[in-house]
Amino acid sequence: VQHRLAHAVSATGLLINSLRKLSYSIGTGM
């Protein structure tokens, strides 16, 4: 369970970074 939780925290962090990168690439607000 501890391993799965650590993996979920790491995967969620990657998901957040991917969403932010995708939002920058799609939009022109930058």
mmCIF file of all heavy atoms, coordinates in Angstrom:
data_MODEL
# 
_entry.id   MODEL 
# 
loop_
_atom_site.group_PDB 
_atom_site.id 
_atom_site.type_symbol 
_atom_site.label_atom_id 
_atom_site.label_alt_id 
_atom_site.label_comp_id 
_atom_site.label_asym_id 
_atom_site.label_entity_id 
_atom_site.label_seq_id 
_atom_site.pdbx_PDB_ins_code 
_atom_site.Cartn_x 
_atom_site.Cartn_y 
_atom_site.Cartn_z 
_atom_site.occupancy 
_atom_site.B_iso_or_equiv 
_atom_site.pdbx_formal_charge 
_atom_site.auth_seq_id 
_atom_site.auth_comp_id 
_atom_site.auth_asym_id 
_atom_site.auth_atom_id 
_atom_site.pdbx_PDB_model_num 
ATOM 1   N N   . VAL A 1 1  ? 0.839  -1.207 0.000   1.00 0.00 ? 1  VAL A N   1 
ATOM 2   C CA  . VAL A 1 1  ? 0.000  0.000  0.000   1.00 0.00 ? 1  VAL A CA  1 
ATOM 3   C C   . VAL A 1 1  ? 0.869  1.250  0.000   1.00 0.00 ? 1  VAL A C   1 
ATOM 4   O O   . VAL A 1 1  ? 0.583  2.220  -0.711  1.00 0.00 ? 1  VAL A O   1 
ATOM 5   C CB  . VAL A 1 1  ? -0.945 -0.012 1.217   1.00 0.00 ? 1  VAL A CB  1 
ATOM 6   C CG1 . VAL A 1 1  ? -1.722 1.307  1.306   1.00 0.00 ? 1  VAL A CG1 1 
ATOM 7   C CG2 . VAL A 1 1  ? -1.921 -1.177 1.131   1.00 0.00 ? 1  VAL A CG2 1 
ATOM 8   N N   . GLN A 1 2  ? 1.919  1.251  0.836   1.00 0.00 ? 2  GLN A N   1 
ATOM 9   C CA  . GLN A 1 2  ? 2.815  2.407  0.877   1.00 0.00 ? 2  GLN A CA  1 
ATOM 10  C C   . GLN A 1 2  ? 3.461  2.650  -0.491  1.00 0.00 ? 2  GLN A C   1 
ATOM 11  O O   . GLN A 1 2  ? 3.581  3.799  -0.950  1.00 0.00 ? 2  GLN A O   1 
ATOM 12  C CB  . GLN A 1 2  ? 3.898  2.191  1.942   1.00 0.00 ? 2  GLN A CB  1 
ATOM 13  C CG  . GLN A 1 2  ? 3.369  2.183  3.368   1.00 0.00 ? 2  GLN A CG  1 
ATOM 14  C CD  . GLN A 1 2  ? 4.471  1.969  4.379   1.00 0.00 ? 2  GLN A CD  1 
ATOM 15  O OE1 . GLN A 1 2  ? 5.651  1.977  4.049   1.00 0.00 ? 2  GLN A OE1 1 
ATOM 16  N NE2 . GLN A 1 2  ? 4.085  1.762  5.640   1.00 0.00 ? 2  GLN A NE2 1 
ATOM 17  N N   . HIS A 1 3  ? 3.839  1.545  -1.151  1.00 0.00 ? 3  HIS A N   1 
ATOM 18  C CA  . HIS A 1 3  ? 4.452  1.682  -2.484  1.00 0.00 ? 3  HIS A CA  1 
ATOM 19  C C   . HIS A 1 3  ? 3.450  2.261  -3.483  1.00 0.00 ? 3  HIS A C   1 
ATOM 20  O O   . HIS A 1 3  ? 3.783  3.152  -4.277  1.00 0.00 ? 3  HIS A O   1 
ATOM 21  C CB  . HIS A 1 3  ? 4.933  0.302  -2.954  1.00 0.00 ? 3  HIS A CB  1 
ATOM 22  C CG  . HIS A 1 3  ? 5.436  0.317  -4.370  1.00 0.00 ? 3  HIS A CG  1 
ATOM 23  N ND1 . HIS A 1 3  ? 6.640  0.894  -4.728  1.00 0.00 ? 3  HIS A ND1 1 
ATOM 24  C CD2 . HIS A 1 3  ? 4.868  -0.171 -5.520  1.00 0.00 ? 3  HIS A CD2 1 
ATOM 25  C CE1 . HIS A 1 3  ? 6.802  0.760  -6.034  1.00 0.00 ? 3  HIS A CE1 1 
ATOM 26  N NE2 . HIS A 1 3  ? 5.744  0.106  -6.533  1.00 0.00 ? 3  HIS A NE2 1 
ATOM 27  N N   . ARG A 1 4  ? 2.217  1.760  -3.432  1.00 0.00 ? 4  ARG A N   1 
ATOM 28  C CA  . ARG A 1 4  ? 1.194  2.275  -4.353  1.00 0.00 ? 4  ARG A CA  1 
ATOM 29  C C   . ARG A 1 4  ? 0.877  3.745  -4.095  1.00 0.00 ? 4  ARG A C   1 
ATOM 30  O O   . ARG A 1 4  ? 0.671  4.522  -5.032  1.00 0.00 ? 4  ARG A O   1 
ATOM 31  C CB  . ARG A 1 4  ? -0.085 1.439  -4.210  1.00 0.00 ? 4  ARG A CB  1 
ATOM 32  C CG  . ARG A 1 4  ? 0.013  0.025  -4.751  1.00 0.00 ? 4  ARG A CG  1 
ATOM 33  C CD  . ARG A 1 4  ? 0.298  0.025  -6.240  1.00 0.00 ? 4  ARG A CD  1 
ATOM 34  N NE  . ARG A 1 4  ? 0.360  -1.309 -6.781  1.00 0.00 ? 4  ARG A NE  1 
ATOM 35  C CZ  . ARG A 1 4  ? -0.668 -1.950 -7.331  1.00 0.00 ? 4  ARG A CZ  1 
ATOM 36  N NH1 . ARG A 1 4  ? -1.846 -1.370 -7.383  1.00 0.00 ? 4  ARG A NH1 1 
ATOM 37  N NH2 . ARG A 1 4  ? -0.508 -3.160 -7.816  1.00 0.00 ? 4  ARG A NH2 1 
ATOM 38  N N   . LEU A 1 5  ? 0.833  4.149  -2.835  1.00 0.00 ? 5  LEU A N   1 
ATOM 39  C CA  . LEU A 1 5  ? 0.585  5.557  -2.513  1.00 0.00 ? 5  LEU A CA  1 
ATOM 40  C C   . LEU A 1 5  ? 1.709  6.448  -3.024  1.00 0.00 ? 5  LEU A C   1 
ATOM 41  O O   . LEU A 1 5  ? 1.475  7.517  -3.595  1.00 0.00 ? 5  LEU A O   1 
ATOM 42  C CB  . LEU A 1 5  ? 0.423  5.733  -1.002  1.00 0.00 ? 5  LEU A CB  1 
ATOM 43  C CG  . LEU A 1 5  ? -0.928 5.337  -0.411  1.00 0.00 ? 5  LEU A CG  1 
ATOM 44  C CD1 . LEU A 1 5  ? -0.868 5.388  1.113   1.00 0.00 ? 5  LEU A CD1 1 
ATOM 45  C CD2 . LEU A 1 5  ? -2.033 6.252  -0.931  1.00 0.00 ? 5  LEU A CD2 1 
ATOM 46  N N   . ALA A 1 6  ? 2.958  6.010  -2.807  1.00 0.00 ? 6  ALA A N   1 
ATOM 47  C CA  . ALA A 1 6  ? 4.108  6.794  -3.287  1.00 0.00 ? 6  ALA A CA  1 
ATOM 48  C C   . ALA A 1 6  ? 4.067  6.917  -4.804  1.00 0.00 ? 6  ALA A C   1 
ATOM 49  O O   . ALA A 1 6  ? 4.355  7.987  -5.371  1.00 0.00 ? 6  ALA A O   1 
ATOM 50  C CB  . ALA A 1 6  ? 5.420  6.144  -2.834  1.00 0.00 ? 6  ALA A CB  1 
ATOM 51  N N   . HIS A 1 7  ? 3.698  5.820  -5.467  1.00 0.00 ? 7  HIS A N   1 
ATOM 52  C CA  . HIS A 1 7  ? 3.601  5.845  -6.924  1.00 0.00 ? 7  HIS A CA  1 
ATOM 53  C C   . HIS A 1 7  ? 2.495  6.802  -7.379  1.00 0.00 ? 7  HIS A C   1 
ATOM 54  O O   . HIS A 1 7  ? 2.652  7.550  -8.355  1.00 0.00 ? 7  HIS A O   1 
ATOM 55  C CB  . HIS A 1 7  ? 3.322  4.433  -7.445  1.00 0.00 ? 7  HIS A CB  1 
ATOM 56  C CG  . HIS A 1 7  ? 3.163  4.377  -8.934  1.00 0.00 ? 7  HIS A CG  1 
ATOM 57  N ND1 . HIS A 1 7  ? 4.225  4.494  -9.798  1.00 0.00 ? 7  HIS A ND1 1 
ATOM 58  C CD2 . HIS A 1 7  ? 2.041  4.242  -9.710  1.00 0.00 ? 7  HIS A CD2 1 
ATOM 59  C CE1 . HIS A 1 7  ? 3.778  4.422  -11.044 1.00 0.00 ? 7  HIS A CE1 1 
ATOM 60  N NE2 . HIS A 1 7  ? 2.457  4.267  -11.009 1.00 0.00 ? 7  HIS A NE2 1 
ATOM 61  N N   . ALA A 1 8  ? 1.346  6.788  -6.679  1.00 0.00 ? 8  ALA A N   1 
ATOM 62  C CA  . ALA A 1 8  ? 0.228  7.668  -7.034  1.00 0.00 ? 8  ALA A CA  1 
ATOM 63  C C   . ALA A 1 8  ? 0.606  9.134  -6.858  1.00 0.00 ? 8  ALA A C   1 
ATOM 64  O O   . ALA A 1 8  ? 0.244  9.994  -7.676  1.00 0.00 ? 8  ALA A O   1 
ATOM 65  C CB  . ALA A 1 8  ? -0.989 7.331  -6.184  1.00 0.00 ? 8  ALA A CB  1 
ATOM 66  N N   . VAL A 1 9  ? 1.341  9.457  -5.780  1.00 0.00 ? 9  VAL A N   1 
ATOM 67  C CA  . VAL A 1 9  ? 1.789  10.843 -5.557  1.00 0.00 ? 9  VAL A CA  1 
ATOM 68  C C   . VAL A 1 9  ? 2.704  11.280 -6.691  1.00 0.00 ? 9  VAL A C   1 
ATOM 69  O O   . VAL A 1 9  ? 2.571  12.376 -7.239  1.00 0.00 ? 9  VAL A O   1 
ATOM 70  C CB  . VAL A 1 9  ? 2.508  10.959 -4.198  1.00 0.00 ? 9  VAL A CB  1 
ATOM 71  C CG1 . VAL A 1 9  ? 3.179  12.330 -4.071  1.00 0.00 ? 9  VAL A CG1 1 
ATOM 72  C CG2 . VAL A 1 9  ? 1.529  10.749 -3.058  1.00 0.00 ? 9  VAL A CG2 1 
ATOM 73  N N   . SER A 1 10 ? 3.646  10.400 -7.071  1.00 0.00 ? 10 SER A N   1 
ATOM 74  C CA  . SER A 1 10 ? 4.575  10.726 -8.154  1.00 0.00 ? 10 SER A CA  1 
ATOM 75  C C   . SER A 1 10 ? 3.843  10.883 -9.485  1.00 0.00 ? 10 SER A C   1 
ATOM 76  O O   . SER A 1 10 ? 4.086  11.839 -10.232 1.00 0.00 ? 10 SER A O   1 
ATOM 77  C CB  . SER A 1 10 ? 5.637  9.630  -8.265  1.00 0.00 ? 10 SER A CB  1 
ATOM 78  O OG  . SER A 1 10 ? 6.484  9.875  -9.362  1.00 0.00 ? 10 SER A OG  1 
ATOM 79  N N   . ALA A 1 11 ? 2.923  9.962  -9.784  1.00 0.00 ? 11 ALA A N   1 
ATOM 80  C CA  . ALA A 1 11 ? 2.183  10.018 -11.045 1.00 0.00 ? 11 ALA A CA  1 
ATOM 81  C C   . ALA A 1 11 ? 1.300  11.259 -11.121 1.00 0.00 ? 11 ALA A C   1 
ATOM 82  O O   . ALA A 1 11 ? 1.170  11.886 -12.178 1.00 0.00 ? 11 ALA A O   1 
ATOM 83  C CB  . ALA A 1 11 ? 1.335  8.761  -11.205 1.00 0.00 ? 11 ALA A CB  1 
ATOM 84  N N   . THR A 1 12 ? 0.706  11.638 -9.978  1.00 0.00 ? 12 THR A N   1 
ATOM 85  C CA  . THR A 1 12 ? -0.130 12.842 -9.956  1.00 0.00 ? 12 THR A CA  1 
ATOM 86  C C   . THR A 1 12 ? 0.717  14.085 -10.212 1.00 0.00 ? 12 THR A C   1 
ATOM 87  O O   . THR A 1 12 ? 0.282  15.031 -10.888 1.00 0.00 ? 12 THR A O   1 
ATOM 88  C CB  . THR A 1 12 ? -0.863 12.970 -8.615  1.00 0.00 ? 12 THR A CB  1 
ATOM 89  O OG1 . THR A 1 12 ? -1.543 11.754 -8.328  1.00 0.00 ? 12 THR A OG1 1 
ATOM 90  C CG2 . THR A 1 12 ? -1.878 14.097 -8.659  1.00 0.00 ? 12 THR A CG2 1 
ATOM 91  N N   . GLY A 1 13 ? 1.933  14.107 -9.681  1.00 0.00 ? 13 GLY A N   1 
ATOM 92  C CA  . GLY A 1 13 ? 2.831  15.231 -9.944  1.00 0.00 ? 13 GLY A CA  1 
ATOM 93  C C   . GLY A 1 13 ? 3.168  15.344 -11.420 1.00 0.00 ? 13 GLY A C   1 
ATOM 94  O O   . GLY A 1 13 ? 3.186  16.447 -11.990 1.00 0.00 ? 13 GLY A O   1 
ATOM 95  N N   . LEU A 1 14 ? 3.425  14.186 -12.056 1.00 0.00 ? 14 LEU A N   1 
ATOM 96  C CA  . LEU A 1 14 ? 3.691  14.188 -13.500 1.00 0.00 ? 14 LEU A CA  1 
ATOM 97  C C   . LEU A 1 14 ? 2.475  14.658 -14.278 1.00 0.00 ? 14 LEU A C   1 
ATOM 98  O O   . LEU A 1 14 ? 2.595  15.391 -15.271 1.00 0.00 ? 14 LEU A O   1 
ATOM 99  C CB  . LEU A 1 14 ? 4.094  12.780 -13.950 1.00 0.00 ? 14 LEU A CB  1 
ATOM 100 C CG  . LEU A 1 14 ? 5.436  12.246 -13.432 1.00 0.00 ? 14 LEU A CG  1 
ATOM 101 C CD1 . LEU A 1 14 ? 5.628  10.793 -13.860 1.00 0.00 ? 14 LEU A CD1 1 
ATOM 102 C CD2 . LEU A 1 14 ? 6.588  13.104 -13.933 1.00 0.00 ? 14 LEU A CD2 1 
ATOM 103 N N   . LEU A 1 15 ? 1.283  14.244 -13.821 1.00 0.00 ? 15 LEU A N   1 
ATOM 104 C CA  . LEU A 1 15 ? 0.046  14.663 -14.482 1.00 0.00 ? 15 LEU A CA  1 
ATOM 105 C C   . LEU A 1 15 ? -0.129 16.175 -14.400 1.00 0.00 ? 15 LEU A C   1 
ATOM 106 O O   . LEU A 1 15 ? -0.490 16.833 -15.387 1.00 0.00 ? 15 LEU A O   1 
ATOM 107 C CB  . LEU A 1 15 ? -1.144 13.960 -13.835 1.00 0.00 ? 15 LEU A CB  1 
ATOM 108 C CG  . LEU A 1 15 ? -2.536 14.411 -14.318 1.00 0.00 ? 15 LEU A CG  1 
ATOM 109 C CD1 . LEU A 1 15 ? -2.698 14.144 -15.800 1.00 0.00 ? 15 LEU A CD1 1 
ATOM 110 C CD2 . LEU A 1 15 ? -3.636 13.715 -13.517 1.00 0.00 ? 15 LEU A CD2 1 
ATOM 111 N N   . ILE A 1 16 ? 0.156  16.749 -13.242 1.00 0.00 ? 16 ILE A N   1 
ATOM 112 C CA  . ILE A 1 16 ? 0.021  18.206 -13.069 1.00 0.00 ? 16 ILE A CA  1 
ATOM 113 C C   . ILE A 1 16 ? 0.974  18.934 -13.999 1.00 0.00 ? 16 ILE A C   1 
ATOM 114 O O   . ILE A 1 16 ? 0.594  19.902 -14.681 1.00 0.00 ? 16 ILE A O   1 
ATOM 115 C CB  . ILE A 1 16 ? 0.291  18.589 -11.601 1.00 0.00 ? 16 ILE A CB  1 
ATOM 116 C CG1 . ILE A 1 16 ? -0.821 18.037 -10.699 1.00 0.00 ? 16 ILE A CG1 1 
ATOM 117 C CG2 . ILE A 1 16 ? 0.395  20.107 -11.447 1.00 0.00 ? 16 ILE A CG2 1 
ATOM 118 C CD1 . ILE A 1 16 ? -0.498 18.143 -9.222  1.00 0.00 ? 16 ILE A CD1 1 
ATOM 119 N N   . ASN A 1 17 ? 2.219  18.480 -14.052 1.00 0.00 ? 17 ASN A N   1 
ATOM 120 C CA  . ASN A 1 17 ? 3.200  19.126 -14.930 1.00 0.00 ? 17 ASN A CA  1 
ATOM 121 C C   . ASN A 1 17 ? 2.793  18.995 -16.395 1.00 0.00 ? 17 ASN A C   1 
ATOM 122 O O   . ASN A 1 17 ? 2.929  19.953 -17.175 1.00 0.00 ? 17 ASN A O   1 
ATOM 123 C CB  . ASN A 1 17 ? 4.586  18.505 -14.713 1.00 0.00 ? 17 ASN A CB  1 
ATOM 124 C CG  . ASN A 1 17 ? 5.194  18.898 -13.378 1.00 0.00 ? 17 ASN A CG  1 
ATOM 125 O OD1 . ASN A 1 17 ? 4.858  19.947 -12.831 1.00 0.00 ? 17 ASN A OD1 1 
ATOM 126 N ND2 . ASN A 1 17 ? 6.079  18.064 -12.865 1.00 0.00 ? 17 ASN A ND2 1 
ATOM 127 N N   . SER A 1 18 ? 2.281  17.825 -16.780 1.00 0.00 ? 18 SER A N   1 
ATOM 128 C CA  . SER A 1 18 ? 1.859  17.620 -18.166 1.00 0.00 ? 18 SER A CA  1 
ATOM 129 C C   . SER A 1 18 ? 0.687  18.522 -18.524 1.00 0.00 ? 18 SER A C   1 
ATOM 130 O O   . SER A 1 18 ? 0.636  19.102 -19.614 1.00 0.00 ? 18 SER A O   1 
ATOM 131 C CB  . SER A 1 18 ? 1.464  16.154 -18.388 1.00 0.00 ? 18 SER A CB  1 
ATOM 132 O OG  . SER A 1 18 ? 2.572  15.308 -18.222 1.00 0.00 ? 18 SER A OG  1 
ATOM 133 N N   . LEU A 1 19 ? -0.265 18.666 -17.605 1.00 0.00 ? 19 LEU A N   1 
ATOM 134 C CA  . LEU A 1 19 ? -1.411 19.542 -17.850 1.00 0.00 ? 19 LEU A CA  1 
ATOM 135 C C   . LEU A 1 19 ? -0.981 20.982 -18.009 1.00 0.00 ? 19 LEU A C   1 
ATOM 136 O O   . LEU A 1 19 ? -1.479 21.713 -18.870 1.00 0.00 ? 19 LEU A O   1 
ATOM 137 C CB  . LEU A 1 19 ? -2.421 19.412 -16.705 1.00 0.00 ? 19 LEU A CB  1 
ATOM 138 C CG  . LEU A 1 19 ? -3.257 18.125 -16.667 1.00 0.00 ? 19 LEU A CG  1 
ATOM 139 C CD1 . LEU A 1 19 ? -4.047 18.051 -15.373 1.00 0.00 ? 19 LEU A CD1 1 
ATOM 140 C CD2 . LEU A 1 19 ? -4.190 18.057 -17.870 1.00 0.00 ? 19 LEU A CD2 1 
ATOM 141 N N   . ARG A 1 20 ? -0.058 21.411 -17.173 1.00 0.00 ? 20 ARG A N   1 
ATOM 142 C CA  . ARG A 1 20 ? 0.414  22.801 -17.260 1.00 0.00 ? 20 ARG A CA  1 
ATOM 143 C C   . ARG A 1 20 ? 1.184  23.039 -18.559 1.00 0.00 ? 20 ARG A C   1 
ATOM 144 O O   . ARG A 1 20 ? 1.030  24.084 -19.204 1.00 0.00 ? 20 ARG A O   1 
ATOM 145 C CB  . ARG A 1 20 ? 1.271  23.123 -16.036 1.00 0.00 ? 20 ARG A CB  1 
ATOM 146 C CG  . ARG A 1 20 ? 0.428  23.297 -14.779 1.00 0.00 ? 20 ARG A CG  1 
ATOM 147 C CD  . ARG A 1 20 ? 1.258  23.459 -13.531 1.00 0.00 ? 20 ARG A CD  1 
ATOM 148 N NE  . ARG A 1 20 ? 0.400  23.718 -12.378 1.00 0.00 ? 20 ARG A NE  1 
ATOM 149 C CZ  . ARG A 1 20 ? 0.796  23.653 -11.117 1.00 0.00 ? 20 ARG A CZ  1 
ATOM 150 N NH1 . ARG A 1 20 ? 2.056  23.317 -10.837 1.00 0.00 ? 20 ARG A NH1 1 
ATOM 151 N NH2 . ARG A 1 20 ? -0.056 23.907 -10.135 1.00 0.00 ? 20 ARG A NH2 1 
ATOM 152 N N   . LYS A 1 21 ? 2.026  22.083 -18.943 1.00 0.00 ? 21 LYS A N   1 
ATOM 153 C CA  . LYS A 1 21 ? 2.753  22.225 -20.209 1.00 0.00 ? 21 LYS A CA  1 
ATOM 154 C C   . LYS A 1 21 ? 1.791  22.245 -21.385 1.00 0.00 ? 21 LYS A C   1 
ATOM 155 O O   . LYS A 1 21 ? 1.936  23.036 -22.322 1.00 0.00 ? 21 LYS A O   1 
ATOM 156 C CB  . LYS A 1 21 ? 3.755  21.081 -20.367 1.00 0.00 ? 21 LYS A CB  1 
ATOM 157 C CG  . LYS A 1 21 ? 4.962  21.177 -19.454 1.00 0.00 ? 21 LYS A CG  1 
ATOM 158 C CD  . LYS A 1 21 ? 5.900  19.994 -19.668 1.00 0.00 ? 21 LYS A CD  1 
ATOM 159 C CE  . LYS A 1 21 ? 7.113  20.083 -18.745 1.00 0.00 ? 21 LYS A CE  1 
ATOM 160 N NZ  . LYS A 1 21 ? 8.019  18.913 -18.928 1.00 0.00 ? 21 LYS A NZ  1 
ATOM 161 N N   . LEU A 1 22 ? 0.782  21.364 -21.335 1.00 0.00 ? 22 LEU A N   1 
ATOM 162 C CA  . LEU A 1 22 ? -0.206 21.308 -22.408 1.00 0.00 ? 22 LEU A CA  1 
ATOM 163 C C   . LEU A 1 22 ? -0.997 22.604 -22.488 1.00 0.00 ? 22 LEU A C   1 
ATOM 164 O O   . LEU A 1 22 ? -1.279 23.115 -23.577 1.00 0.00 ? 22 LEU A O   1 
ATOM 165 C CB  . LEU A 1 22 ? -1.144 20.128 -22.182 1.00 0.00 ? 22 LEU A CB  1 
ATOM 166 C CG  . LEU A 1 22 ? -2.197 19.870 -23.271 1.00 0.00 ? 22 LEU A CG  1 
ATOM 167 C CD1 . LEU A 1 22 ? -1.517 19.603 -24.602 1.00 0.00 ? 22 LEU A CD1 1 
ATOM 168 C CD2 . LEU A 1 22 ? -3.092 18.706 -22.887 1.00 0.00 ? 22 LEU A CD2 1 
ATOM 169 N N   . SER A 1 23 ? -1.337 23.175 -21.343 1.00 0.00 ? 23 SER A N   1 
ATOM 170 C CA  . SER A 1 23 ? -2.102 24.423 -21.345 1.00 0.00 ? 23 SER A CA  1 
ATOM 171 C C   . SER A 1 23 ? -1.286 25.552 -21.954 1.00 0.00 ? 23 SER A C   1 
ATOM 172 O O   . SER A 1 23 ? -1.814 26.400 -22.671 1.00 0.00 ? 23 SER A O   1 
ATOM 173 C CB  . SER A 1 23 ? -2.540 24.790 -19.925 1.00 0.00 ? 23 SER A CB  1 
ATOM 174 O OG  . SER A 1 23 ? -1.442 25.207 -19.138 1.00 0.00 ? 23 SER A OG  1 
ATOM 175 N N   . TYR A 1 24 ? 0.028  25.566 -21.691 1.00 0.00 ? 24 TYR A N   1 
ATOM 176 C CA  . TYR A 1 24 ? 0.883  26.590 -22.286 1.00 0.00 ? 24 TYR A CA  1 
ATOM 177 C C   . TYR A 1 24 ? 1.018  26.398 -23.790 1.00 0.00 ? 24 TYR A C   1 
ATOM 178 O O   . TYR A 1 24 ? 1.026  27.362 -24.560 1.00 0.00 ? 24 TYR A O   1 
ATOM 179 C CB  . TYR A 1 24 ? 2.260  26.575 -21.630 1.00 0.00 ? 24 TYR A CB  1 
ATOM 180 C CG  . TYR A 1 24 ? 2.349  27.400 -20.375 1.00 0.00 ? 24 TYR A CG  1 
ATOM 181 C CD1 . TYR A 1 24 ? 2.693  26.813 -19.163 1.00 0.00 ? 24 TYR A CD1 1 
ATOM 182 C CD2 . TYR A 1 24 ? 2.084  28.770 -20.398 1.00 0.00 ? 24 TYR A CD2 1 
ATOM 183 C CE1 . TYR A 1 24 ? 2.775  27.569 -18.001 1.00 0.00 ? 24 TYR A CE1 1 
ATOM 184 C CE2 . TYR A 1 24 ? 2.165  29.531 -19.243 1.00 0.00 ? 24 TYR A CE2 1 
ATOM 185 C CZ  . TYR A 1 24 ? 2.502  28.935 -18.048 1.00 0.00 ? 24 TYR A CZ  1 
ATOM 186 O OH  . TYR A 1 24 ? 2.576  29.675 -16.899 1.00 0.00 ? 24 TYR A OH  1 
ATOM 187 N N   . SER A 1 25 ? 1.124  25.137 -24.230 1.00 0.00 ? 25 SER A N   1 
ATOM 188 C CA  . SER A 1 25 ? 1.307  24.886 -25.660 1.00 0.00 ? 25 SER A CA  1 
ATOM 189 C C   . SER A 1 25 ? 0.031  25.163 -26.452 1.00 0.00 ? 25 SER A C   1 
ATOM 190 O O   . SER A 1 25 ? 0.098  25.583 -27.606 1.00 0.00 ? 25 SER A O   1 
ATOM 191 C CB  . SER A 1 25 ? 1.754  23.438 -25.891 1.00 0.00 ? 25 SER A CB  1 
ATOM 192 O OG  . SER A 1 25 ? 0.738  22.531 -25.509 1.00 0.00 ? 25 SER A OG  1 
ATOM 193 N N   . ILE A 1 26 ? -1.133 24.935 -25.853 1.00 0.00 ? 26 ILE A N   1 
ATOM 194 C CA  . ILE A 1 26 ? -2.396 25.183 -26.547 1.00 0.00 ? 26 ILE A CA  1 
ATOM 195 C C   . ILE A 1 26 ? -2.734 26.664 -26.560 1.00 0.00 ? 26 ILE A C   1 
ATOM 196 O O   . ILE A 1 26 ? -3.098 27.232 -27.584 1.00 0.00 ? 26 ILE A O   1 
ATOM 197 C CB  . ILE A 1 26 ? -3.549 24.384 -25.893 1.00 0.00 ? 26 ILE A CB  1 
ATOM 198 C CG1 . ILE A 1 26 ? -3.325 22.888 -26.094 1.00 0.00 ? 26 ILE A CG1 1 
ATOM 199 C CG2 . ILE A 1 26 ? -4.899 24.804 -26.464 1.00 0.00 ? 26 ILE A CG2 1 
ATOM 200 C CD1 . ILE A 1 26 ? -4.348 22.028 -25.401 1.00 0.00 ? 26 ILE A CD1 1 
ATOM 201 N N   . GLY A 1 27 ? -2.620 27.306 -25.405 1.00 0.00 ? 27 GLY A N   1 
ATOM 202 C CA  . GLY A 1 27 ? -2.992 28.713 -25.295 1.00 0.00 ? 27 GLY A CA  1 
ATOM 203 C C   . GLY A 1 27 ? -1.853 29.643 -25.683 1.00 0.00 ? 27 GLY A C   1 
ATOM 204 O O   . GLY A 1 27 ? -0.721 29.230 -25.874 1.00 0.00 ? 27 GLY A O   1 
ATOM 205 N N   . THR A 1 28 ? -2.194 30.906 -25.823 1.00 0.00 ? 28 THR A N   1 
ATOM 206 C CA  . THR A 1 28 ? -1.186 31.915 -26.161 1.00 0.00 ? 28 THR A CA  1 
ATOM 207 C C   . THR A 1 28 ? -1.062 32.950 -25.055 1.00 0.00 ? 28 THR A C   1 
ATOM 208 O O   . THR A 1 28 ? -0.515 34.026 -25.273 1.00 0.00 ? 28 THR A O   1 
ATOM 209 C CB  . THR A 1 28 ? -1.558 32.609 -27.484 1.00 0.00 ? 28 THR A CB  1 
ATOM 210 O OG1 . THR A 1 28 ? -2.913 33.076 -27.407 1.00 0.00 ? 28 THR A OG1 1 
ATOM 211 C CG2 . THR A 1 28 ? -1.431 31.671 -28.654 1.00 0.00 ? 28 THR A CG2 1 
ATOM 212 N N   . GLY A 1 29 ? -1.587 32.628 -23.882 1.00 0.00 ? 29 GLY A N   1 
ATOM 213 C CA  . GLY A 1 29 ? -1.486 33.572 -22.773 1.00 0.00 ? 29 GLY A CA  1 
ATOM 214 C C   . GLY A 1 29 ? -0.054 33.872 -22.399 1.00 0.00 ? 29 GLY A C   1 
ATOM 215 O O   . GLY A 1 29 ? 0.260  34.962 -21.916 1.00 0.00 ? 29 GLY A O   1 
ATOM 216 N N   . MET A 1 30 ? 0.833  32.909 -22.630 1.00 0.00 ? 30 MET A N   1 
ATOM 217 C CA  . MET A 1 30 ? 2.241  33.098 -22.301 1.00 0.00 ? 30 MET A CA  1 
ATOM 218 C C   . MET A 1 30 ? 2.849  34.246 -23.105 1.00 0.00 ? 30 MET A C   1 
ATOM 219 O O   . MET A 1 30 ? 3.752  34.938 -22.629 1.00 0.00 ? 30 MET A O   1 
ATOM 220 C CB  . MET A 1 30 ? 2.998  31.801 -22.572 1.00 0.00 ? 30 MET A CB  1 
ATOM 221 C CG  . MET A 1 30 ? 4.408  31.756 -22.017 1.00 0.00 ? 30 MET A CG  1 
ATOM 222 S SD  . MET A 1 30 ? 5.135  30.123 -22.283 1.00 0.00 ? 30 MET A SD  1 
ATOM 223 C CE  . MET A 1 30 ? 6.717  30.363 -21.465 1.00 0.00 ? 30 MET A CE  1 
# 
